[in-house]
PDB file of N, CA and C in Angstrom:
ATOM      1  N   ALA A   1      21.844  -9.625   2.071  1.00  0.00           N
ATOM      2  CA  ALA A   1      21.984  -8.295   1.582  1.00  0.00           C
ATOM      3  C   ALA A   1      22.410  -7.376   2.681  1.00  0.00           C
ATOM      4  N   SER A   2      23.452  -6.706   2.553  1.00  0.00           N
ATOM      5  CA  SER A   2      23.919  -5.765   3.542  1.00  0.00           C
ATOM      6  C   SER A   2      23.648  -4.423   3.266  1.00  0.00           C
ATOM      7  N   LEU A   3      23.186  -3.620   4.217  1.00  0.00           N
ATOM      8  CA  LEU A   3      22.892  -2.094   3.989  1.00  0.00           C
ATOM      9  C   LEU A   3      24.091  -1.290   4.110  1.00  0.00           C
ATOM     10  N   HIS A   4      25.249  -1.879   4.455  1.00  0.00           N
ATOM     11  CA  HIS A   4      26.515  -1.160   4.676  1.00  0.00           C
ATOM     12  C   HIS A   4      26.418   0.000   5.577  1.00  0.00           C
ATOM     13  N   LEU A   5      25.624  -0.163   6.619  1.00  0.00           N
ATOM     14  CA  LEU A   5      25.592   0.833   7.675  1.00  0.00           C
ATOM     15  C   LEU A   5      26.681   0.710   8.566  1.00  0.00           C
ATOM     16  N   GLN A   6      27.199   1.915   9.062  1.00  0.00           N
ATOM     17  CA  GLN A   6      28.320   1.961   9.942  1.00  0.00           C
ATOM     18  C   GLN A   6      27.823   2.699  11.258  1.00  0.00           C
ATOM     19  N   ASN A   7      27.833   1.953  12.300  1.00  0.00           N
ATOM     20  CA  ASN A   7      27.325   2.451  13.595  1.00  0.00           C
ATOM     21  C   ASN A   7      25.890   3.049  13.558  1.00  0.00           C
ATOM     22  N   PRO A   8      24.974   2.283  13.000  1.00  0.00           N
ATOM     23  CA  PRO A   8      23.633   2.726  12.966  1.00  0.00           C
ATOM     24  C   PRO A   8      23.054   2.939  14.383  1.00  0.00           C
ATOM     25  N   VAL A   9      22.129   3.914  14.503  1.00  0.00           N
ATOM     26  CA  VAL A   9      21.461   4.153  15.771  1.00  0.00           C
ATOM     27  C   VAL A   9      20.160   3.548  15.671  1.00  0.00           C
ATOM     28  N   THR A  10      19.711   2.796  16.769  1.00  0.00           N
ATOM     29  CA  THR A  10      18.458   2.072  16.842  1.00  0.00           C
ATOM     30  C   THR A  10      17.610   2.897  17.784  1.00  0.00           C
ATOM     31  N   VAL A  11      16.382   3.346  17.410  1.00  0.00           N
ATOM     32  CA  VAL A  11      15.429   3.929  18.256  1.00  0.00           C
ATOM     33  C   VAL A  11      14.259   3.089  18.435  1.00  0.00           C
ATOM     34  N   VAL A  12      13.893   2.865  19.751  1.00  0.00           N
ATOM     35  CA  VAL A  12      12.847   2.102  20.114  1.00  0.00           C
ATOM     36  C   VAL A  12      11.817   2.953  20.848  1.00  0.00           C
ATOM     37  N   THR A  13      10.566   2.951  20.470  1.00  0.00           N
ATOM     38  CA  THR A  13       9.551   3.752  21.112  1.00  0.00           C
ATOM     39  C   THR A  13       8.285   2.842  21.366  1.00  0.00           C
ATOM     40  N   GLY A  14       7.353   3.407  21.917  1.00  0.00           N
ATOM     41  CA  GLY A  14       6.073   2.695  22.264  1.00  0.00           C
ATOM     42  C   GLY A  14       5.309   2.448  20.989  1.00  0.00           C
ATOM     43  N   PHE A  15       4.341   1.550  21.156  1.00  0.00           N
ATOM     44  CA  PHE A  15       3.448   1.107  19.952  1.00  0.00           C
ATOM     45  C   PHE A  15       2.152   1.941  19.908  1.00  0.00           C
ATOM     46  N   ASP A  16       1.846   2.712  20.849  1.00  0.00           N
ATOM     47  CA  ASP A  16       0.559   3.490  20.808  1.00  0.00           C
ATOM     48  C   ASP A  16       0.686   4.542  19.786  1.00  0.00           C
ATOM     49  N   ARG A  17      -0.071   4.462  18.769  1.00  0.00           N
ATOM     50  CA  ARG A  17      -0.070   5.400  17.625  1.00  0.00           C
ATOM     51  C   ARG A  17      -1.551   5.803  17.301  1.00  0.00           C
ATOM     52  N   PRO A  18      -2.118   6.716  18.040  1.00  0.00           N
ATOM     53  CA  PRO A  18      -3.556   7.055  17.920  1.00  0.00           C
ATOM     54  C   PRO A  18      -3.892   7.566  16.513  1.00  0.00           C
ATOM     55  N   ASN A  19      -2.903   8.029  15.712  1.00  0.00           N
ATOM     56  CA  ASN A  19      -3.112   8.597  14.360  1.00  0.00           C
ATOM     57  C   ASN A  19      -3.190   7.414  13.374  1.00  0.00           C
ATOM     58  N   LEU A  20      -2.904   6.245  13.754  1.00  0.00           N
ATOM     59  CA  LEU A  20      -2.850   5.045  12.787  1.00  0.00           C
ATOM     60  C   LEU A  20      -4.044   4.106  13.139  1.00  0.00           C
ATOM     61  N   PHE A  21      -4.610   3.549  12.103  1.00  0.00           N
ATOM     62  CA  PHE A  21      -5.649   2.533  12.429  1.00  0.00           C
ATOM     63  C   PHE A  21      -5.516   1.434  11.271  1.00  0.00           C
ATOM     64  N   PHE A  22      -6.093   0.283  11.571  1.00  0.00           N
ATOM     65  CA  PHE A  22      -5.905  -0.883  10.669  1.00  0.00           C
ATOM     66  C   PHE A  22      -7.332  -1.232  10.340  1.00  0.00           C
ATOM     67  N   ARG A  23      -7.659  -1.445   8.990  1.00  0.00           N
ATOM     68  CA  ARG A  23      -8.951  -1.920   8.519  1.00  0.00           C
ATOM     69  C   ARG A  23      -8.713  -2.922   7.524  1.00  0.00           C
ATOM     70  N   VAL A  24      -9.487  -4.006   7.535  1.00  0.00           N
ATOM     71  CA  VAL A  24      -9.405  -5.065   6.552  1.00  0.00           C
ATOM     72  C   VAL A  24     -10.646  -4.997   5.874  1.00  0.00           C
ATOM     73  N   VAL A  25     -10.606  -4.994   4.493  1.00  0.00           N
ATOM     74  CA  VAL A  25     -11.788  -5.043   3.609  1.00  0.00           C
ATOM     75  C   VAL A  25     -11.490  -6.201   2.588  1.00  0.00           C
ATOM     76  N   ASN A  26     -12.298  -7.285   2.739  1.00  0.00           N
ATOM     77  CA  ASN A  26     -12.105  -8.408   1.895  1.00  0.00           C
ATOM     78  C   ASN A  26     -12.809  -8.083   0.479  1.00  0.00           C
ATOM     79  N   ARG A  27     -12.200  -8.425  -0.589  1.00  0.00           N
ATOM     80  CA  ARG A  27     -12.735  -8.201  -1.875  1.00  0.00           C
ATOM     81  C   ARG A  27     -12.793  -9.549  -2.767  1.00  0.00           C
ATOM     82  N   LYS A  28     -13.703  -9.736  -3.577  1.00  0.00           N
ATOM     83  CA  LYS A  28     -13.844 -10.885  -4.343  1.00  0.00           C
ATOM     84  C   LYS A  28     -12.971 -10.953  -5.666  1.00  0.00           C
ATOM     85  N   GLY A  29     -12.708  -9.841  -6.155  1.00  0.00           N
ATOM     86  CA  GLY A  29     -11.929  -9.709  -7.418  1.00  0.00           C
ATOM     87  C   GLY A  29     -12.737  -9.138  -8.576  1.00  0.00           C
ATOM     88  N   GLY A  30     -12.063  -8.964  -9.591  1.00  0.00           N
ATOM     89  CA  GLY A  30     -12.704  -8.425 -10.873  1.00  0.00           C
ATOM     90  C   GLY A  30     -13.041  -6.911 -10.856  1.00  0.00           C
ATOM     91  N   LYS A  31     -13.942  -6.582 -11.718  1.00  0.00           N
ATOM     92  CA  LYS A  31     -14.254  -5.082 -11.923  1.00  0.00           C
ATOM     93  C   LYS A  31     -14.921  -4.594 -10.694  1.00  0.00           C
ATOM     94  N   GLU A  32     -15.665  -5.316  -9.932  1.00  0.00           N
ATOM     95  CA  GLU A  32     -16.305  -4.953  -8.659  1.00  0.00           C
ATOM     96  C   GLU A  32     -15.249  -4.505  -7.679  1.00  0.00           C
ATOM     97  N   THR A  33     -14.150  -5.236  -7.582  1.00  0.00           N
ATOM     98  CA  THR A  33     -13.041  -4.844  -6.684  1.00  0.00           C
ATOM     99  C   THR A  33     -12.379  -3.595  -7.179  1.00  0.00           C
ATOM    100  N   ASP A  34     -12.156  -3.423  -8.445  1.00  0.00           N
ATOM    101  CA  ASP A  34     -11.582  -2.164  -9.041  1.00  0.00           C
ATOM    102  C   ASP A  34     -12.392  -0.904  -8.615  1.00  0.00           C
ATOM    103  N   ASN A  35     -13.678  -0.975  -8.781  1.00  0.00           N
ATOM    104  CA  ASN A  35     -14.568   0.109  -8.389  1.00  0.00           C
ATOM    105  C   ASN A  35     -14.484   0.318  -6.965  1.00  0.00           C
ATOM    106  N   SER A  36     -14.649  -0.739  -6.168  1.00  0.00           N
ATOM    107  CA  SER A  36     -14.460  -0.598  -4.754  1.00  0.00           C
ATOM    108  C   SER A  36     -13.215   0.036  -4.245  1.00  0.00           C
ATOM    109  N   ILE A  37     -12.111  -0.298  -4.792  1.00  0.00           N
ATOM    110  CA  ILE A  37     -10.833   0.355  -4.431  1.00  0.00           C
ATOM    111  C   ILE A  37     -10.890   1.732  -4.822  1.00  0.00           C
ATOM    112  N   LEU A  38     -11.282   2.072  -5.995  1.00  0.00           N
ATOM    113  CA  LEU A  38     -11.248   3.455  -6.513  1.00  0.00           C
ATOM    114  C   LEU A  38     -12.214   4.358  -5.674  1.00  0.00           C
ATOM    115  N   ASN A  39     -13.328   3.813  -5.275  1.00  0.00           N
ATOM    116  CA  ASN A  39     -14.315   4.501  -4.468  1.00  0.00           C
ATOM    117  C   ASN A  39     -13.731   4.768  -3.045  1.00  0.00           C
ATOM    118  N   TYR A  40     -13.086   3.740  -2.507  1.00  0.00           N
ATOM    119  CA  TYR A  40     -12.514   3.931  -1.139  1.00  0.00           C
ATOM    120  C   TYR A  40     -11.358   5.051  -1.227  1.00  0.00           C
ATOM    121  N   VAL A  41     -10.485   4.859  -2.146  1.00  0.00           N
ATOM    122  CA  VAL A  41      -9.425   5.792  -2.188  1.00  0.00           C
ATOM    123  C   VAL A  41      -9.873   7.166  -2.404  1.00  0.00           C
ATOM    124  N   LYS A  42     -10.862   7.405  -3.256  1.00  0.00           N
ATOM    125  CA  LYS A  42     -11.445   8.676  -3.623  1.00  0.00           C
ATOM    126  C   LYS A  42     -12.118   9.325  -2.283  1.00  0.00           C
ATOM    127  N   ARG A  43     -12.745   8.437  -1.499  1.00  0.00           N
ATOM    128  CA  ARG A  43     -13.370   8.927  -0.190  1.00  0.00           C
ATOM    129  C   ARG A  43     -12.355   9.342   0.799  1.00  0.00           C
ATOM    130  N   HIS A  44     -11.124   8.905   0.659  1.00  0.00           N
ATOM    131  CA  HIS A  44     -10.075   9.126   1.650  1.00  0.00           C
ATOM    132  C   HIS A  44      -8.913   9.790   0.964  1.00  0.00           C
ATOM    133  N   GLU A  45      -9.162  10.707  -0.062  1.00  0.00           N
ATOM    134  CA  GLU A  45      -8.055  11.211  -0.811  1.00  0.00           C
ATOM    135  C   GLU A  45      -7.185  12.126  -0.067  1.00  0.00           C
ATOM    136  N   ASP A  46      -7.534  12.599   1.041  1.00  0.00           N
ATOM    137  CA  ASP A  46      -6.709  13.469   1.933  1.00  0.00           C
ATOM    138  C   ASP A  46      -5.860  12.680   2.910  1.00  0.00           C
ATOM    139  N   GLU A  47      -5.934  11.347   2.791  1.00  0.00           N
ATOM    140  CA  GLU A  47      -5.307  10.511   3.737  1.00  0.00           C
ATOM    141  C   GLU A  47      -4.221   9.538   2.968  1.00  0.00           C
ATOM    142  N   SER A  48      -3.341   9.052   3.774  1.00  0.00           N
ATOM    143  CA  SER A  48      -2.377   8.040   3.264  1.00  0.00           C
ATOM    144  C   SER A  48      -2.859   6.580   3.654  1.00  0.00           C
ATOM    145  N   GLY A  49      -2.411   5.678   2.834  1.00  0.00           N
ATOM    146  CA  GLY A  49      -2.839   4.321   3.098  1.00  0.00           C
ATOM    147  C   GLY A  49      -1.964   3.274   2.428  1.00  0.00           C
ATOM    148  N   ILE A  50      -2.258   2.048   2.718  1.00  0.00           N
ATOM    149  CA  ILE A  50      -1.503   0.950   2.135  1.00  0.00           C
ATOM    150  C   ILE A  50      -2.483  -0.054   1.723  1.00  0.00           C
ATOM    151  N   ILE A  51      -2.512  -0.459   0.513  1.00  0.00           N
ATOM    152  CA  ILE A  51      -3.363  -1.574   0.080  1.00  0.00           C
ATOM    153  C   ILE A  51      -2.559  -2.843  -0.073  1.00  0.00           C
ATOM    154  N   TYR A  52      -2.775  -3.883   0.630  1.00  0.00           N
ATOM    155  CA  TYR A  52      -2.137  -5.136   0.569  1.00  0.00           C
ATOM    156  C   TYR A  52      -2.774  -5.984  -0.383  1.00  0.00           C
ATOM    157  N   CYS A  53      -1.996  -6.750  -1.163  1.00  0.00           N
ATOM    158  CA  CYS A  53      -2.448  -7.632  -2.174  1.00  0.00           C
ATOM    159  C   CYS A  53      -1.887  -9.014  -1.950  1.00  0.00           C
ATOM    160  N   ALA A  54      -2.599 -10.103  -2.377  1.00  0.00           N
ATOM    161  CA  ALA A  54      -2.054 -11.505  -2.164  1.00  0.00           C
ATOM    162  C   ALA A  54      -0.973 -11.861  -3.068  1.00  0.00           C
ATOM    163  N   THR A  55      -0.850 -11.270  -4.257  1.00  0.00           N
ATOM    164  CA  THR A  55       0.062 -11.664  -5.214  1.00  0.00           C
ATOM    165  C   THR A  55       0.802 -10.469  -5.843  1.00  0.00           C
ATOM    166  N   LYS A  56       1.943 -10.725  -6.450  1.00  0.00           N
ATOM    167  CA  LYS A  56       2.680  -9.640  -7.108  1.00  0.00           C
ATOM    168  C   LYS A  56       1.905  -9.145  -8.332  1.00  0.00           C
ATOM    169  N   LYS A  57       1.148 -10.088  -9.022  1.00  0.00           N
ATOM    170  CA  LYS A  57       0.243  -9.725 -10.130  1.00  0.00           C
ATOM    171  C   LYS A  57      -0.755  -8.715  -9.666  1.00  0.00           C
ATOM    172  N   ASN A  58      -1.374  -8.963  -8.503  1.00  0.00           N
ATOM    173  CA  ASN A  58      -2.432  -8.013  -8.007  1.00  0.00           C
ATOM    174  C   ASN A  58      -1.812  -6.652  -7.636  1.00  0.00           C
ATOM    175  N   VAL A  59      -0.643  -6.707  -7.071  1.00  0.00           N
ATOM    176  CA  VAL A  59       0.028  -5.484  -6.724  1.00  0.00           C
ATOM    177  C   VAL A  59       0.178  -4.675  -7.995  1.00  0.00           C
ATOM    178  N   ASP A  60       0.663  -5.187  -9.043  1.00  0.00           N
ATOM    179  CA  ASP A  60       0.859  -4.553 -10.327  1.00  0.00           C
ATOM    180  C   ASP A  60      -0.380  -3.993 -10.906  1.00  0.00           C
ATOM    181  N   SER A  61      -1.516  -4.902 -10.835  1.00  0.00           N
ATOM    182  CA  SER A  61      -2.753  -4.507 -11.357  1.00  0.00           C
ATOM    183  C   SER A  61      -3.401  -3.334 -10.600  1.00  0.00           C
ATOM    184  N   VAL A  62      -3.299  -3.403  -9.236  1.00  0.00           N
ATOM    185  CA  VAL A  62      -3.883  -2.213  -8.394  1.00  0.00           C
ATOM    186  C   VAL A  62      -3.029  -1.002  -8.764  1.00  0.00           C
ATOM    187  N   TYR A  63      -1.771  -1.111  -8.748  1.00  0.00           N
ATOM    188  CA  TYR A  63      -0.977   0.061  -9.106  1.00  0.00           C
ATOM    189  C   TYR A  63      -1.274   0.673 -10.367  1.00  0.00           C
ATOM    190  N   ALA A  64      -1.513  -0.092 -11.444  1.00  0.00           N
ATOM    191  CA  ALA A  64      -1.786   0.394 -12.708  1.00  0.00           C
ATOM    192  C   ALA A  64      -3.198   1.001 -12.742  1.00  0.00           C
ATOM    193  N   LEU A  65      -4.111   0.378 -12.020  1.00  0.00           N
ATOM    194  CA  LEU A  65      -5.463   0.989 -11.908  1.00  0.00           C
ATOM    195  C   LEU A  65      -5.447   2.368 -11.297  1.00  0.00           C
ATOM    196  N   LEU A  66      -4.727   2.501 -10.111  1.00  0.00           N
ATOM    197  CA  LEU A  66      -4.683   3.848  -9.510  1.00  0.00           C
ATOM    198  C   LEU A  66      -4.040   4.836 -10.401  1.00  0.00           C
ATOM    199  N   LEU A  67      -2.879   4.526 -11.028  1.00  0.00           N
ATOM    200  CA  LEU A  67      -2.257   5.478 -11.931  1.00  0.00           C
ATOM    201  C   LEU A  67      -3.220   5.847 -13.069  1.00  0.00           C
ATOM    202  N   GLN A  68      -3.906   4.884 -13.687  1.00  0.00           N
ATOM    203  CA  GLN A  68      -4.849   5.192 -14.742  1.00  0.00           C
ATOM    204  C   GLN A  68      -5.901   6.262 -14.357  1.00  0.00           C
ATOM    205  N   TYR A  69      -6.342   6.258 -13.138  1.00  0.00           N
ATOM    206  CA  TYR A  69      -7.283   7.210 -12.660  1.00  0.00           C
ATOM    207  C   TYR A  69      -6.670   8.399 -11.971  1.00  0.00           C
ATOM    208  N   GLY A  70      -5.382   8.666 -12.202  1.00  0.00           N
ATOM    209  CA  GLY A  70      -4.689   9.900 -11.697  1.00  0.00           C
ATOM    210  C   GLY A  70      -4.378   9.855 -10.270  1.00  0.00           C
ATOM    211  N   ILE A  71      -4.398   8.777  -9.646  1.00  0.00           N
ATOM    212  CA  ILE A  71      -4.186   8.629  -8.108  1.00  0.00           C
ATOM    213  C   ILE A  71      -2.684   8.341  -7.956  1.00  0.00           C
ATOM    214  N   ALA A  72      -1.984   9.195  -7.257  1.00  0.00           N
ATOM    215  CA  ALA A  72      -0.584   8.965  -6.851  1.00  0.00           C
ATOM    216  C   ALA A  72      -0.444   7.746  -6.037  1.00  0.00           C
ATOM    217  N   ALA A  73       0.424   6.867  -6.617  1.00  0.00           N
ATOM    218  CA  ALA A  73       0.596   5.633  -5.924  1.00  0.00           C
ATOM    219  C   ALA A  73       2.121   5.001  -6.124  1.00  0.00           C
ATOM    220  N   GLY A  74       2.550   4.194  -5.215  1.00  0.00           N
ATOM    221  CA  GLY A  74       3.748   3.485  -5.341  1.00  0.00           C
ATOM    222  C   GLY A  74       3.542   2.059  -5.196  1.00  0.00           C
ATOM    223  N   ARG A  75       4.417   1.239  -5.466  1.00  0.00           N
ATOM    224  CA  ARG A  75       4.215  -0.250  -5.401  1.00  0.00           C
ATOM    225  C   ARG A  75       5.461  -0.875  -4.874  1.00  0.00           C
ATOM    226  N   TYR A  76       5.298  -1.976  -4.079  1.00  0.00           N
ATOM    227  CA  TYR A  76       6.423  -2.797  -3.578  1.00  0.00           C
ATOM    228  C   TYR A  76       6.029  -4.179  -3.637  1.00  0.00           C
ATOM    229  N   HIS A  77       6.884  -4.991  -4.109  1.00  0.00           N
ATOM    230  CA  HIS A  77       6.855  -6.456  -3.892  1.00  0.00           C
ATOM    231  C   HIS A  77       8.264  -7.087  -4.261  1.00  0.00           C
ATOM    232  N   ALA A  78       8.350  -8.336  -3.912  1.00  0.00           N
ATOM    233  CA  ALA A  78       9.703  -9.024  -4.020  1.00  0.00           C
ATOM    234  C   ALA A  78      10.310  -8.995  -5.456  1.00  0.00           C
ATOM    235  N   GLY A  79       9.446  -8.850  -6.444  1.00  0.00           N
ATOM    236  CA  GLY A  79       9.940  -8.983  -7.850  1.00  0.00           C
ATOM    237  C   GLY A  79      10.523  -7.627  -8.376  1.00  0.00           C
ATOM    238  N   LEU A  80      10.529  -6.566  -7.491  1.00  0.00           N
ATOM    239  CA  LEU A  80      11.035  -5.223  -7.964  1.00  0.00           C
ATOM    240  C   LEU A  80      12.425  -5.095  -7.493  1.00  0.00           C
ATOM    241  N   SER A  81      13.229  -4.395  -8.303  1.00  0.00           N
ATOM    242  CA  SER A  81      14.587  -4.083  -7.845  1.00  0.00           C
ATOM    243  C   SER A  81      14.596  -2.707  -7.360  1.00  0.00           C
ATOM    244  N   LEU A  82      15.575  -2.378  -6.431  1.00  0.00           N
ATOM    245  CA  LEU A  82      15.680  -1.106  -5.962  1.00  0.00           C
ATOM    246  C   LEU A  82      16.410  -0.184  -6.858  1.00  0.00           C
TER     247      LEU A  82
END
């Protein structure tokens, strides 16, 4: 797939980003996970974040859950078209 860019500019900067952090929280699945995700997102409602899921099905489920509770969300996985 070509982006059809003509003379693109590449900008390379350092990797030190003190405003970013990485946290891994393992979940078992089911309703417990839904509640855990909702509680976490609500505790951090003034922040941005990315929730990684193992499958496209999980991405769609988490996306639907967040929307159901009025939480602004987007989703991305290989099965979506642009």
